Amino acid sequence: MFHYIDYIVIAHWIMGDGAKRNKGIILCTDSFSIKEVVLLMNIILIKFDLKTTIHYDNGKPRIYINKKELNKILFFIKPYFVKR
């Protein structure tokens, strides 16, 4: 999975199943186990140097990227966002 996640994937993930939260972004991972969420967080840390945290919504783990961390990759993902 490590080789498949890139800036395009992150941009589409945010557009398709992400949400703004507290000036940051939540990546919805409700269907994933905690082990799978941690795996995804580690991939994001290694590939993009983004420190993420787990936020729970209705007992389900979600990946949270705060504003400071999001700003590190915004330049790279912004071209892939679809304008509404």
C-alpha atoms as a PDB file:
ATOM      1  CA  MET A   1       0.000   0.000   0.000  1.00  0.00           C
ATOM      2  CA  PHE A   2       2.972   2.286   0.665  1.00  0.00           C
ATOM      3  CA  HIS A   3       3.692   2.669  -3.064  1.00  0.00           C
ATOM      4  CA  TYR A   4       0.114   3.569  -3.977  1.00  0.00           C
ATOM      5  CA  ILE A   5      -0.403   6.519  -1.649  1.00  0.00           C
ATOM      6  CA  ASP A   6       0.785   9.785  -3.174  1.00  0.00           C
ATOM      7  CA  TYR A   7      -0.339  13.425  -3.315  1.00  0.00           C
ATOM      8  CA  ILE A   8      -3.099  12.598  -5.805  1.00  0.00           C
ATOM      9  CA  VAL A   9      -4.488   9.907  -3.498  1.00  0.00           C
ATOM     10  CA  ILE A  10      -4.408  12.261  -0.498  1.00  0.00           C
ATOM     11  CA  ALA A  11      -6.223  14.983  -2.478  1.00  0.00           C
ATOM     12  CA  HIS A  12      -8.925  12.585  -3.646  1.00  0.00           C
ATOM     13  CA  TRP A  13      -9.252  11.095  -0.174  1.00  0.00           C
ATOM     14  CA  ILE A  14      -9.848  14.549   1.293  1.00  0.00           C
ATOM     15  CA  MET A  15     -12.382  15.433  -1.432  1.00  0.00           C
ATOM     16  CA  GLY A  16     -14.209  12.109  -1.294  1.00  0.00           C
ATOM     17  CA  ASP A  17     -14.157  11.189   2.364  1.00  0.00           C
ATOM     18  CA  GLY A  18     -12.611  14.048   4.291  1.00  0.00           C
ATOM     19  CA  ALA A  19     -13.966  16.944   6.304  1.00  0.00           C
ATOM     20  CA  LYS A  20     -12.748  20.199   7.832  1.00  0.00           C
ATOM     21  CA  ARG A  21     -12.277  20.012  11.595  1.00  0.00           C
ATOM     22  CA  ASN A  22     -10.762  22.653  13.861  1.00  0.00           C
ATOM     23  CA  LYS A  23      -8.792  24.273  11.005  1.00  0.00           C
ATOM     24  CA  GLY A  24      -7.464  20.838  10.022  1.00  0.00           C
ATOM     25  CA  ILE A  25      -8.720  17.868   8.051  1.00  0.00           C
ATOM     26  CA  ILE A  26     -10.314  14.593   9.125  1.00  0.00           C
ATOM     27  CA  LEU A  27      -9.811  11.568   6.886  1.00  0.00           C
ATOM     28  CA  CYS A  28     -12.744   9.262   7.454  1.00  0.00           C
ATOM     29  CA  THR A  29     -11.533   5.776   8.238  1.00  0.00           C
ATOM     30  CA  ASP A  30     -14.656   4.540  10.027  1.00  0.00           C
ATOM     31  CA  SER A  31     -14.580   1.160   8.275  1.00  0.00           C
ATOM     32  CA  PHE A  32     -10.957   0.468   9.221  1.00  0.00           C
ATOM     33  CA  SER A  33      -9.661  -1.306  12.313  1.00  0.00           C
ATOM     34  CA  ILE A  34      -7.392   0.633  14.654  1.00  0.00           C
ATOM     35  CA  LYS A  35      -4.467  -1.446  13.376  1.00  0.00           C
ATOM     36  CA  GLU A  36      -5.238  -0.435   9.780  1.00  0.00           C
ATOM     37  CA  VAL A  37      -5.606   3.226  10.760  1.00  0.00           C
ATOM     38  CA  VAL A  38      -2.210   3.159  12.478  1.00  0.00           C
ATOM     39  CA  LEU A  39      -0.714   1.563   9.346  1.00  0.00           C
ATOM     40  CA  LEU A  40      -2.136   4.394   7.210  1.00  0.00           C
ATOM     41  CA  MET A  41      -0.861   6.987   9.688  1.00  0.00           C
ATOM     42  CA  ASN A  42       2.620   5.464   9.512  1.00  0.00           C
ATOM     43  CA  ILE A  43       2.588   5.544   5.713  1.00  0.00           C
ATOM     44  CA  ILE A  44       1.544   9.213   5.810  1.00  0.00           C
ATOM     45  CA  LEU A  45       4.305   9.964   8.330  1.00  0.00           C
ATOM     46  CA  ILE A  46       7.028   8.229   6.341  1.00  0.00           C
ATOM     47  CA  LYS A  47       6.029   9.424   2.861  1.00  0.00           C
ATOM     48  CA  PHE A  48       4.927  12.982   3.630  1.00  0.00           C
ATOM     49  CA  ASP A  49       6.473  13.723   7.042  1.00  0.00           C
ATOM     50  CA  LEU A  50       2.994  14.484   8.410  1.00  0.00           C
ATOM     51  CA  LYS A  51       2.297  13.900  12.063  1.00  0.00           C
ATOM     52  CA  THR A  52      -1.323  12.811  12.376  1.00  0.00           C
ATOM     53  CA  THR A  53      -3.489  11.870  15.327  1.00  0.00           C
ATOM     54  CA  ILE A  54      -6.490   9.641  15.863  1.00  0.00           C
ATOM     55  CA  HIS A  55      -9.803  11.300  16.649  1.00  0.00           C
ATOM     56  CA  TYR A  56     -12.801   9.159  17.466  1.00  0.00           C
ATOM     57  CA  ASP A  57     -16.267   9.844  16.121  1.00  0.00           C
ATOM     58  CA  ASN A  58     -19.017   7.565  17.463  1.00  0.00           C
ATOM     59  CA  GLY A  59     -16.322   5.165  18.612  1.00  0.00           C
ATOM     60  CA  LYS A  60     -14.745   4.940  15.145  1.00  0.00           C
ATOM     61  CA  PRO A  61     -11.127   6.004  14.529  1.00  0.00           C
ATOM     62  CA  ARG A  62     -10.409   8.814  12.091  1.00  0.00           C
ATOM     63  CA  ILE A  63      -7.128  10.327  10.987  1.00  0.00           C
ATOM     64  CA  TYR A  64      -6.734  14.008  11.871  1.00  0.00           C
ATOM     65  CA  ILE A  65      -4.215  16.287  10.150  1.00  0.00           C
ATOM     66  CA  ASN A  66      -3.872  19.635  11.905  1.00  0.00           C
ATOM     67  CA  LYS A  67      -3.448  22.920  10.038  1.00  0.00           C
ATOM     68  CA  LYS A  68       0.324  23.143  10.553  1.00  0.00           C
ATOM     69  CA  GLU A  69       0.890  19.654   9.153  1.00  0.00           C
ATOM     70  CA  LEU A  70      -1.599  20.169   6.312  1.00  0.00           C
ATOM     71  CA  ASN A  71       0.272  23.296   5.232  1.00  0.00           C
ATOM     72  CA  LYS A  72       3.334  21.118   4.564  1.00  0.00           C
ATOM     73  CA  ILE A  73       1.591  19.382   1.647  1.00  0.00           C
ATOM     74  CA  LEU A  74      -1.076  21.871   0.587  1.00  0.00           C
ATOM     75  CA  PHE A  75       1.076  23.135  -2.286  1.00  0.00           C
ATOM     76  CA  PHE A  76       1.403  19.581  -3.642  1.00  0.00           C
ATOM     77  CA  ILE A  77      -2.226  18.466  -3.279  1.00  0.00           C
ATOM     78  CA  LYS A  78      -4.042  21.680  -4.230  1.00  0.00           C
ATOM     79  CA  PRO A  79      -3.674  21.172  -8.029  1.00  0.00           C
ATOM     80  CA  TYR A  80      -5.627  17.915  -7.742  1.00  0.00           C
ATOM     81  CA  PHE A  81      -8.675  19.384  -6.033  1.00  0.00           C
ATOM     82  CA  VAL A  82     -11.785  19.687  -8.178  1.00  0.00           C
ATOM     83  CA  LYS A  83     -13.442  23.090  -8.028  1.00  0.00           C
ATOM     84  CA  ARG A  84     -17.135  23.132  -7.236  1.00  0.00           C
END
